[in-house]
Amino acid sequence: MIKNIIDSYLSTLDGNISIILKDLKSNQIIYSKDIERVMPSASVIKVLIMIEAFRQIKEGKLRYETKIRIKPEDKVDFSLFTNMHTDEYCLIDVITLMMDISDNTATNVLIDLLGYENINAIASGHGLKNTVLKRKMMDFKAAQQGKQNMLTPKELSILIEKIYKKEVLDKNLCDEMIRIMSINTIKEMMKKFIPDEVKLAHKTGELDHLNHDIGILYLGDVDLLLGIFITDVADNIIGRQYIENITRVIYENMKPNIKEEAIL
């Protein structure tokens, strides 16, 4: 039984780990652990920002081709934009970079463009009480002042499921959000041991001693909503490995045509 397999593996790990595993076709929660725990969101909060960007596209306030100017003062460390020689980009490319490689310059520019109030209205509009954007990415001064972006695994999983079920905005925009989350340029965390031919639409996040990953794993007969949220881990290398191995355990034991024995 997959619950016993996951429990057995988790018993070997340190840190605080929250997991949600749900069969989206049958609407059955297969496994959950501490999913109402409130914690810093890291970059998975970018799902909220993506939804608000597409909401404004739907309302005609923005277009895919809307030109976004990246000013020198917008650029933050470890951003792709610091090495680019142009300063103007299409909105859809900025959204894609925010989600695919988790670019923080792209994220901060979108926060300015869309507005904190509008972004947070996405969460409150879907009944999410503990999911909130309070500061930009890499704003360590704001973090020291107690301004932290927060979530619960349960609440973020509600948003991901609504995207999957085409209950956010409209079908075409949900399909586009799934497409962007499926690009997977970075092969780590949940994507590490998932074959390239298996579709995974997800978003990762990382802060010191914290690693998150949440998304949809398409296995044919089963579409799995999987979220793994790890805090208080010794270091991020270990946190990433935990997510990679938990995902591997789940995939190997739930993929089609597997052997009968459990794979650990």
C-alpha atoms as a PDB file:
ATOM      1  CA  MET A   1       0.000   0.000   0.000  1.00  0.00           C
ATOM      2  CA  ILE A   2       1.473   3.345  -1.088  1.00  0.00           C
ATOM      3  CA  LYS A   3       0.662   5.032   2.259  1.00  0.00           C
ATOM      4  CA  ASN A   4       2.769   2.483   4.147  1.00  0.00           C
ATOM      5  CA  ILE A   5       5.568   2.777   1.605  1.00  0.00           C
ATOM      6  CA  ILE A   6       5.697   6.568   1.958  1.00  0.00           C
ATOM      7  CA  ASP A   7       5.502   6.387   5.757  1.00  0.00           C
ATOM      8  CA  SER A   8       8.346   3.879   5.801  1.00  0.00           C
ATOM      9  CA  TYR A   9      10.544   6.125   3.703  1.00  0.00           C
ATOM     10  CA  LEU A  10       9.685   9.302   5.648  1.00  0.00           C
ATOM     11  CA  SER A  11      10.668   7.586   8.891  1.00  0.00           C
ATOM     12  CA  THR A  12      14.276   7.666   7.662  1.00  0.00           C
ATOM     13  CA  LEU A  13      14.317  11.428   7.041  1.00  0.00           C
ATOM     14  CA  ASP A  14      14.928  14.507   9.200  1.00  0.00           C
ATOM     15  CA  GLY A  15      13.243  17.905   8.972  1.00  0.00           C
ATOM     16  CA  ASN A  16       9.552  18.794   8.829  1.00  0.00           C
ATOM     17  CA  ILE A  17       7.858  17.338   5.769  1.00  0.00           C
ATOM     18  CA  SER A  18       4.362  18.018   4.450  1.00  0.00           C
ATOM     19  CA  ILE A  19       2.977  15.967   1.562  1.00  0.00           C
ATOM     20  CA  ILE A  20      -0.240  15.875  -0.406  1.00  0.00           C
ATOM     21  CA  LEU A  21      -0.875  13.158  -2.997  1.00  0.00           C
ATOM     22  CA  LYS A  22      -4.248  13.130  -4.748  1.00  0.00           C
ATOM     23  CA  ASP A  23      -5.728  11.221  -7.674  1.00  0.00           C
ATOM     24  CA  LEU A  24      -7.326  14.058  -9.621  1.00  0.00           C
ATOM     25  CA  LYS A  25      -9.431  11.771 -11.808  1.00  0.00           C
ATOM     26  CA  SER A  26     -11.089   9.932  -8.929  1.00  0.00           C
ATOM     27  CA  ASN A  27     -10.881  12.934  -6.567  1.00  0.00           C
ATOM     28  CA  GLN A  28      -9.323  10.664  -3.941  1.00  0.00           C
ATOM     29  CA  ILE A  29      -6.649  11.846  -1.510  1.00  0.00           C
ATOM     30  CA  ILE A  30      -4.135   9.009  -1.491  1.00  0.00           C
ATOM     31  CA  TYR A  31      -1.785  10.452   1.115  1.00  0.00           C
ATOM     32  CA  SER A  32      -1.523  13.609   3.182  1.00  0.00           C
ATOM     33  CA  LYS A  33       0.737  14.761   5.974  1.00  0.00           C
ATOM     34  CA  ASP A  34       0.636  18.115   7.788  1.00  0.00           C
ATOM     35  CA  ILE A  35      -0.910  19.913   4.818  1.00  0.00           C
ATOM     36  CA  GLU A  36      -2.429  22.727   6.899  1.00  0.00           C
ATOM     37  CA  ARG A  37       0.963  23.777   8.268  1.00  0.00           C
ATOM     38  CA  VAL A  38       1.662  27.489   7.603  1.00  0.00           C
ATOM     39  CA  MET A  39       5.142  28.076   6.199  1.00  0.00           C
ATOM     40  CA  PRO A  40       7.204  30.413   3.998  1.00  0.00           C
ATOM     41  CA  SER A  41       6.254  29.896   0.371  1.00  0.00           C
ATOM     42  CA  ALA A  42       9.561  30.458  -1.425  1.00  0.00           C
ATOM     43  CA  SER A  43       9.062  30.550  -5.193  1.00  0.00           C
ATOM     44  CA  VAL A  44       5.943  28.395  -5.360  1.00  0.00           C
ATOM     45  CA  ILE A  45       4.048  31.641  -4.599  1.00  0.00           C
ATOM     46  CA  LYS A  46       4.766  32.460  -8.247  1.00  0.00           C
ATOM     47  CA  VAL A  47       1.747  30.318  -9.148  1.00  0.00           C
ATOM     48  CA  LEU A  48      -0.400  33.157  -7.748  1.00  0.00           C
ATOM     49  CA  ILE A  49       1.473  35.734  -9.809  1.00  0.00           C
ATOM     50  CA  MET A  50       1.078  33.651 -12.970  1.00  0.00           C
ATOM     51  CA  ILE A  51      -2.684  33.347 -12.460  1.00  0.00           C
ATOM     52  CA  GLU A  52      -3.073  37.101 -11.938  1.00  0.00           C
ATOM     53  CA  ALA A  53      -1.042  37.818 -15.085  1.00  0.00           C
ATOM     54  CA  PHE A  54      -3.380  35.614 -17.112  1.00  0.00           C
ATOM     55  CA  ARG A  55      -6.417  37.174 -15.441  1.00  0.00           C
ATOM     56  CA  GLN A  56      -5.324  40.573 -16.660  1.00  0.00           C
ATOM     57  CA  ILE A  57      -4.711  39.116 -20.116  1.00  0.00           C
ATOM     58  CA  LYS A  58      -8.244  37.699 -20.122  1.00  0.00           C
ATOM     59  CA  GLU A  59      -9.677  41.085 -19.148  1.00  0.00           C
ATOM     60  CA  GLY A  60      -7.760  42.800 -21.939  1.00  0.00           C
ATOM     61  CA  LYS A  61      -5.550  44.874 -19.636  1.00  0.00           C
ATOM     62  CA  LEU A  62      -2.486  43.049 -20.969  1.00  0.00           C
ATOM     63  CA  ARG A  63      -1.628  40.953 -24.018  1.00  0.00           C
ATOM     64  CA  TYR A  64       0.813  38.098 -24.529  1.00  0.00           C
ATOM     65  CA  GLU A  65       2.828  40.517 -26.675  1.00  0.00           C
ATOM     66  CA  THR A  66       2.770  43.405 -24.172  1.00  0.00           C
ATOM     67  CA  LYS A  67       6.312  44.746 -24.002  1.00  0.00           C
ATOM     68  CA  ILE A  68       7.912  44.634 -20.560  1.00  0.00           C
ATOM     69  CA  ARG A  69      10.935  46.824 -19.986  1.00  0.00           C
ATOM     70  CA  ILE A  70      13.591  45.546 -17.579  1.00  0.00           C
ATOM     71  CA  LYS A  71      15.474  48.488 -16.063  1.00  0.00           C
ATOM     72  CA  PRO A  72      18.972  48.079 -14.580  1.00  0.00           C
ATOM     73  CA  GLU A  73      17.607  48.644 -11.071  1.00  0.00           C
ATOM     74  CA  ASP A  74      15.097  45.809 -11.595  1.00  0.00           C
ATOM     75  CA  LYS A  75      17.801  43.183 -11.975  1.00  0.00           C
ATOM     76  CA  VAL A  76      18.630  40.974  -8.999  1.00  0.00           C
ATOM     77  CA  ASP A  77      21.449  38.506  -8.407  1.00  0.00           C
ATOM     78  CA  PHE A  78      21.415  35.133 -10.165  1.00  0.00           C
ATOM     79  CA  SER A  79      18.941  36.340 -12.796  1.00  0.00           C
ATOM     80  CA  LEU A  80      19.142  35.484 -16.484  1.00  0.00           C
ATOM     81  CA  PHE A  81      18.446  39.144 -17.270  1.00  0.00           C
ATOM     82  CA  THR A  82      21.782  40.267 -15.813  1.00  0.00           C
ATOM     83  CA  ASN A  83      23.502  38.741 -18.868  1.00  0.00           C
ATOM     84  CA  MET A  84      21.026  39.876 -21.514  1.00  0.00           C
ATOM     85  CA  HIS A  85      21.783  42.714 -23.920  1.00  0.00           C
ATOM     86  CA  THR A  86      18.211  43.792 -24.561  1.00  0.00           C
ATOM     87  CA  ASP A  87      15.893  45.470 -22.073  1.00  0.00           C
ATOM     88  CA  GLU A  88      12.479  44.746 -23.587  1.00  0.00           C
ATOM     89  CA  TYR A  89      10.608  41.435 -23.576  1.00  0.00           C
ATOM     90  CA  CYS A  90       7.142  40.100 -24.365  1.00  0.00           C
ATOM     91  CA  LEU A  91       4.947  39.497 -21.319  1.00  0.00           C
ATOM     92  CA  ILE A  92       4.505  35.787 -22.083  1.00  0.00           C
ATOM     93  CA  ASP A  93       8.284  35.318 -22.111  1.00  0.00           C
ATOM     94  CA  VAL A  94       8.632  37.056 -18.740  1.00  0.00           C
ATOM     95  CA  ILE A  95       5.899  34.825 -17.259  1.00  0.00           C
ATOM     96  CA  THR A  96       7.582  31.743 -18.705  1.00  0.00           C
ATOM     97  CA  LEU A  97      10.987  32.662 -17.268  1.00  0.00           C
ATOM     98  CA  MET A  98       9.422  33.284 -13.858  1.00  0.00           C
ATOM     99  CA  MET A  99       7.887  29.816 -13.840  1.00  0.00           C
ATOM    100  CA  ASP A 100      10.404  27.709 -15.753  1.00  0.00           C
ATOM    101  CA  ILE A 101      13.748  28.855 -14.337  1.00  0.00           C
ATOM    102  CA  SER A 102      12.150  30.755 -11.428  1.00  0.00           C
ATOM    103  CA  ASP A 103      13.812  33.989 -12.509  1.00  0.00           C
ATOM    104  CA  ASN A 104      13.450  36.562  -9.708  1.00  0.00           C
ATOM    105  CA  THR A 105      13.928  39.639 -11.878  1.00  0.00           C
ATOM    106  CA  ALA A 106      11.001  38.474 -14.005  1.00  0.00           C
ATOM    107  CA  THR A 107       8.965  37.881 -10.850  1.00  0.00           C
ATOM    108  CA  ASN A 108       9.650  41.289  -9.326  1.00  0.00           C
ATOM    109  CA  VAL A 109       8.834  43.115 -12.547  1.00  0.00           C
ATOM    110  CA  LEU A 110       5.547  41.237 -12.743  1.00  0.00           C
ATOM    111  CA  ILE A 111       4.726  42.105  -9.124  1.00  0.00           C
ATOM    112  CA  ASP A 112       5.168  45.791  -9.973  1.00  0.00           C
ATOM    113  CA  LEU A 113       3.098  45.431 -13.119  1.00  0.00           C
ATOM    114  CA  LEU A 114       0.232  43.438 -11.602  1.00  0.00           C
ATOM    115  CA  GLY A 115       0.099  44.834  -8.057  1.00  0.00           C
ATOM    116  CA  TYR A 116       0.226  43.123  -4.662  1.00  0.00           C
ATOM    117  CA  GLU A 117      -3.475  43.692  -4.024  1.00  0.00           C
ATOM    118  CA  ASN A 118      -4.519  42.062  -7.275  1.00  0.00           C
ATOM    119  CA  ILE A 119      -2.178  39.102  -6.796  1.00  0.00           C
ATOM    120  CA  ASN A 120      -3.395  38.470  -3.252  1.00  0.00           C
ATOM    121  CA  ALA A 121      -6.999  38.786  -4.433  1.00  0.00           C
ATOM    122  CA  ILE A 122      -6.433  35.578  -6.411  1.00  0.00           C
ATOM    123  CA  ALA A 123      -5.782  33.745  -3.145  1.00  0.00           C
ATOM    124  CA  SER A 124      -8.602  35.345  -1.164  1.00  0.00           C
ATOM    125  CA  GLY A 125     -10.999  34.918  -4.080  1.00  0.00           C
ATOM    126  CA  HIS A 126     -10.492  31.177  -3.902  1.00  0.00           C
ATOM    127  CA  GLY A 127     -10.942  31.074  -0.134  1.00  0.00           C
ATOM    128  CA  LEU A 128      -7.251  30.781   0.737  1.00  0.00           C
ATOM    129  CA  LYS A 129      -6.670  32.403   4.138  1.00  0.00           C
ATOM    130  CA  ASN A 130      -2.967  31.773   4.731  1.00  0.00           C
ATOM    131  CA  THR A 131      -1.507  32.176   1.238  1.00  0.00           C
ATOM    132  CA  VAL A 132      -0.172  35.691   0.786  1.00  0.00           C
ATOM    133  CA  LEU A 133       2.476  37.666  -1.112  1.00  0.00           C
ATOM    134  CA  LYS A 134       4.082  40.296   1.145  1.00  0.00           C
ATOM    135  CA  ARG A 135       7.415  41.070  -0.504  1.00  0.00           C
ATOM    136  CA  LYS A 136       9.437  40.776  -3.683  1.00  0.00           C
ATOM    137  CA  MET A 137      11.947  38.045  -4.319  1.00  0.00           C
ATOM    138  CA  MET A 138      15.462  38.587  -2.909  1.00  0.00           C
ATOM    139  CA  ASP A 139      14.213  41.446  -0.696  1.00  0.00           C
ATOM    140  CA  PHE A 140      16.169  40.411   2.376  1.00  0.00           C
ATOM    141  CA  LYS A 141      15.519  43.698   4.190  1.00  0.00           C
ATOM    142  CA  ALA A 142      11.763  43.126   3.995  1.00  0.00           C
ATOM    143  CA  ALA A 143      12.258  39.535   5.162  1.00  0.00           C
ATOM    144  CA  GLN A 144      14.211  40.745   8.194  1.00  0.00           C
ATOM    145  CA  GLN A 145      11.294  43.069   8.991  1.00  0.00           C
ATOM    146  CA  GLY A 146       8.986  40.051   9.126  1.00  0.00           C
ATOM    147  CA  LYS A 147       7.466  40.426   5.666  1.00  0.00           C
ATOM    148  CA  GLN A 148       7.380  36.864   4.429  1.00  0.00           C
ATOM    149  CA  ASN A 149       5.438  35.225   1.625  1.00  0.00           C
ATOM    150  CA  MET A 150       3.395  32.413   3.168  1.00  0.00           C
ATOM    151  CA  LEU A 151       1.228  29.430   2.279  1.00  0.00           C
ATOM    152  CA  THR A 152      -0.151  26.128   3.420  1.00  0.00           C
ATOM    153  CA  PRO A 153       0.314  23.018   1.240  1.00  0.00           C
ATOM    154  CA  LYS A 154      -3.445  22.429   1.309  1.00  0.00           C
ATOM    155  CA  GLU A 155      -4.236  25.903   0.004  1.00  0.00           C
ATOM    156  CA  LEU A 156      -1.721  25.858  -2.801  1.00  0.00           C
ATOM    157  CA  SER A 157      -2.896  22.393  -3.828  1.00  0.00           C
ATOM    158  CA  ILE A 158      -6.410  23.841  -4.169  1.00  0.00           C
ATOM    159  CA  LEU A 159      -5.120  26.337  -6.738  1.00  0.00           C
ATOM    160  CA  ILE A 160      -3.175  23.705  -8.674  1.00  0.00           C
ATOM    161  CA  GLU A 161      -6.232  21.451  -8.765  1.00  0.00           C
ATOM    162  CA  LYS A 162      -8.414  24.324  -9.989  1.00  0.00           C
ATOM    163  CA  ILE A 163      -5.969  24.950 -12.842  1.00  0.00           C
ATOM    164  CA  TYR A 164      -6.057  21.242 -13.718  1.00  0.00           C
ATOM    165  CA  LYS A 165      -9.879  21.190 -13.675  1.00  0.00           C
ATOM    166  CA  LYS A 166     -10.079  24.407 -15.782  1.00  0.00           C
ATOM    167  CA  GLU A 167     -11.824  26.219 -12.931  1.00  0.00           C
ATOM    168  CA  VAL A 168      -9.504  29.250 -12.984  1.00  0.00           C
ATOM    169  CA  LEU A 169     -10.184  31.921 -15.630  1.00  0.00           C
ATOM    170  CA  ASP A 170     -11.013  29.686 -18.642  1.00  0.00           C
ATOM    171  CA  LYS A 171      -9.978  26.438 -20.308  1.00  0.00           C
ATOM    172  CA  ASN A 172      -7.531  27.966 -22.794  1.00  0.00           C
ATOM    173  CA  LEU A 173      -5.684  29.949 -20.128  1.00  0.00           C
ATOM    174  CA  CYS A 174      -5.540  26.933 -17.802  1.00  0.00           C
ATOM    175  CA  ASP A 175      -4.080  24.914 -20.676  1.00  0.00           C
ATOM    176  CA  GLU A 176      -1.472  27.629 -21.197  1.00  0.00           C
ATOM    177  CA  MET A 177      -0.554  27.648 -17.505  1.00  0.00           C
ATOM    178  CA  ILE A 178      -0.159  23.857 -17.571  1.00  0.00           C
ATOM    179  CA  ARG A 179       1.986  24.162 -20.693  1.00  0.00           C
ATOM    180  CA  ILE A 180       4.300  26.684 -19.032  1.00  0.00           C
ATOM    181  CA  MET A 181       4.580  24.558 -15.874  1.00  0.00           C
ATOM    182  CA  SER A 182       5.437  21.533 -18.028  1.00  0.00           C
ATOM    183  CA  ILE A 183       8.523  22.992 -19.746  1.00  0.00           C
ATOM    184  CA  ASN A 184      10.881  21.689 -17.041  1.00  0.00           C
ATOM    185  CA  THR A 185      14.206  23.130 -18.164  1.00  0.00           C
ATOM    186  CA  ILE A 186      15.659  22.429 -14.708  1.00  0.00           C
ATOM    187  CA  LYS A 187      15.809  18.694 -14.023  1.00  0.00           C
ATOM    188  CA  GLU A 188      15.781  18.610 -10.250  1.00  0.00           C
ATOM    189  CA  MET A 189      13.488  17.970  -7.306  1.00  0.00           C
ATOM    190  CA  MET A 190      10.278  16.291  -8.553  1.00  0.00           C
ATOM    191  CA  LYS A 191      11.624  16.108 -12.118  1.00  0.00           C
ATOM    192  CA  LYS A 192      14.936  14.432 -11.195  1.00  0.00           C
ATOM    193  CA  PHE A 193      13.865  10.788 -11.616  1.00  0.00           C
ATOM    194  CA  ILE A 194      10.800  11.298 -13.831  1.00  0.00           C
ATOM    195  CA  PRO A 195      11.428  10.205 -17.456  1.00  0.00           C
ATOM    196  CA  ASP A 196      11.280  12.986 -20.053  1.00  0.00           C
ATOM    197  CA  GLU A 197       8.337  11.301 -21.790  1.00  0.00           C
ATOM    198  CA  VAL A 198       6.221  11.588 -18.627  1.00  0.00           C
ATOM    199  CA  LYS A 199       4.440  14.929 -18.360  1.00  0.00           C
ATOM    200  CA  LEU A 200       5.034  16.856 -15.148  1.00  0.00           C
ATOM    201  CA  ALA A 201       3.599  20.344 -14.672  1.00  0.00           C
ATOM    202  CA  HIS A 202       5.100  21.809 -11.503  1.00  0.00           C
ATOM    203  CA  LYS A 203       6.720  24.703  -9.650  1.00  0.00           C
ATOM    204  CA  THR A 204       9.688  24.518  -7.331  1.00  0.00           C
ATOM    205  CA  GLY A 205      10.749  26.816  -4.508  1.00  0.00           C
ATOM    206  CA  GLU A 206      13.766  27.154  -2.239  1.00  0.00           C
ATOM    207  CA  LEU A 207      14.965  29.248   0.704  1.00  0.00           C
ATOM    208  CA  ASP A 208      17.648  28.452   3.256  1.00  0.00           C
ATOM    209  CA  HIS A 209      16.774  25.108   4.880  1.00  0.00           C
ATOM    210  CA  LEU A 210      13.513  24.957   2.893  1.00  0.00           C
ATOM    211  CA  ASN A 211      12.534  23.212  -0.343  1.00  0.00           C
ATOM    212  CA  HIS A 212       9.103  22.965  -1.966  1.00  0.00           C
ATOM    213  CA  ASP A 213       7.741  21.401  -5.140  1.00  0.00           C
ATOM    214  CA  ILE A 214       4.135  21.009  -6.252  1.00  0.00           C
ATOM    215  CA  GLY A 215       2.476  20.013  -9.482  1.00  0.00           C
ATOM    216  CA  ILE A 216       0.636  17.445 -11.549  1.00  0.00           C
ATOM    217  CA  LEU A 217       2.161  14.142 -12.633  1.00  0.00           C
ATOM    218  CA  TYR A 218       0.363  12.683 -15.661  1.00  0.00           C
ATOM    219  CA  LEU A 219       0.512   8.884 -15.642  1.00  0.00           C
ATOM    220  CA  GLY A 220      -2.215   8.018 -18.141  1.00  0.00           C
ATOM    221  CA  ASP A 221      -4.867   6.260 -16.088  1.00  0.00           C
ATOM    222  CA  VAL A 222      -3.970   8.431 -13.112  1.00  0.00           C
ATOM    223  CA  ASP A 223      -3.231  12.140 -12.898  1.00  0.00           C
ATOM    224  CA  LEU A 224      -1.554  12.831  -9.566  1.00  0.00           C
ATOM    225  CA  LEU A 225      -1.483  16.117  -7.722  1.00  0.00           C
ATOM    226  CA  LEU A 226       1.744  15.896  -5.747  1.00  0.00           C
ATOM    227  CA  GLY A 227       3.066  18.503  -3.353  1.00  0.00           C
ATOM    228  CA  ILE A 228       6.148  18.058  -1.172  1.00  0.00           C
ATOM    229  CA  PHE A 229       7.066  20.825   1.275  1.00  0.00           C
ATOM    230  CA  ILE A 230      10.170  20.555   3.428  1.00  0.00           C
ATOM    231  CA  THR A 231      11.316  22.947   6.161  1.00  0.00           C
ATOM    232  CA  ASP A 232      13.987  22.853   8.857  1.00  0.00           C
ATOM    233  CA  VAL A 233      16.220  20.588   6.807  1.00  0.00           C
ATOM    234  CA  ALA A 234      19.988  20.605   7.407  1.00  0.00           C
ATOM    235  CA  ASP A 235      20.779  22.104   3.994  1.00  0.00           C
ATOM    236  CA  ASN A 236      19.190  22.560   0.595  1.00  0.00           C
ATOM    237  CA  ILE A 237      21.133  19.762  -1.053  1.00  0.00           C
ATOM    238  CA  ILE A 238      19.513  17.343   1.390  1.00  0.00           C
ATOM    239  CA  GLY A 239      16.116  19.021   0.923  1.00  0.00           C
ATOM    240  CA  ARG A 240      16.289  18.626  -2.837  1.00  0.00           C
ATOM    241  CA  GLN A 241      17.328  14.991  -2.466  1.00  0.00           C
ATOM    242  CA  TYR A 242      14.385  14.318  -0.159  1.00  0.00           C
ATOM    243  CA  ILE A 243      11.943  15.661  -2.745  1.00  0.00           C
ATOM    244  CA  GLU A 244      13.663  13.755  -5.525  1.00  0.00           C
ATOM    245  CA  ASN A 245      13.535  10.463  -3.655  1.00  0.00           C
ATOM    246  CA  ILE A 246       9.994  10.871  -2.316  1.00  0.00           C
ATOM    247  CA  THR A 247       8.848  11.546  -5.884  1.00  0.00           C
ATOM    248  CA  ARG A 248      10.787   8.512  -7.125  1.00  0.00           C
ATOM    249  CA  VAL A 249       9.150   6.266  -4.525  1.00  0.00           C
ATOM    250  CA  ILE A 250       5.688   7.513  -5.501  1.00  0.00           C
ATOM    251  CA  TYR A 251       6.333   7.293  -9.250  1.00  0.00           C
ATOM    252  CA  GLU A 252       7.866   3.820  -9.167  1.00  0.00           C
ATOM    253  CA  ASN A 253       4.989   2.465  -7.104  1.00  0.00           C
ATOM    254  CA  MET A 254       2.160   4.148  -9.022  1.00  0.00           C
ATOM    255  CA  LYS A 255       3.284   4.176 -12.656  1.00  0.00           C
ATOM    256  CA  PRO A 256       1.488   1.803 -15.037  1.00  0.00           C
ATOM    257  CA  ASN A 257       2.699  -1.766 -15.571  1.00  0.00           C
ATOM    258  CA  ILE A 258       4.975  -1.956 -12.555  1.00  0.00           C
ATOM    259  CA  LYS A 259       6.039  -5.106 -10.791  1.00  0.00           C
ATOM    260  CA  GLU A 260       3.919  -6.220  -7.884  1.00  0.00           C
ATOM    261  CA  GLU A 261       6.547  -5.746  -5.209  1.00  0.00           C
ATOM    262  CA  ALA A 262       6.983  -2.338  -3.611  1.00  0.00           C
ATOM    263  CA  ILE A 263       9.979  -0.370  -4.816  1.00  0.00           C
ATOM    264  CA  LEU A 264      11.934   1.479  -2.160  1.00  0.00           C
END
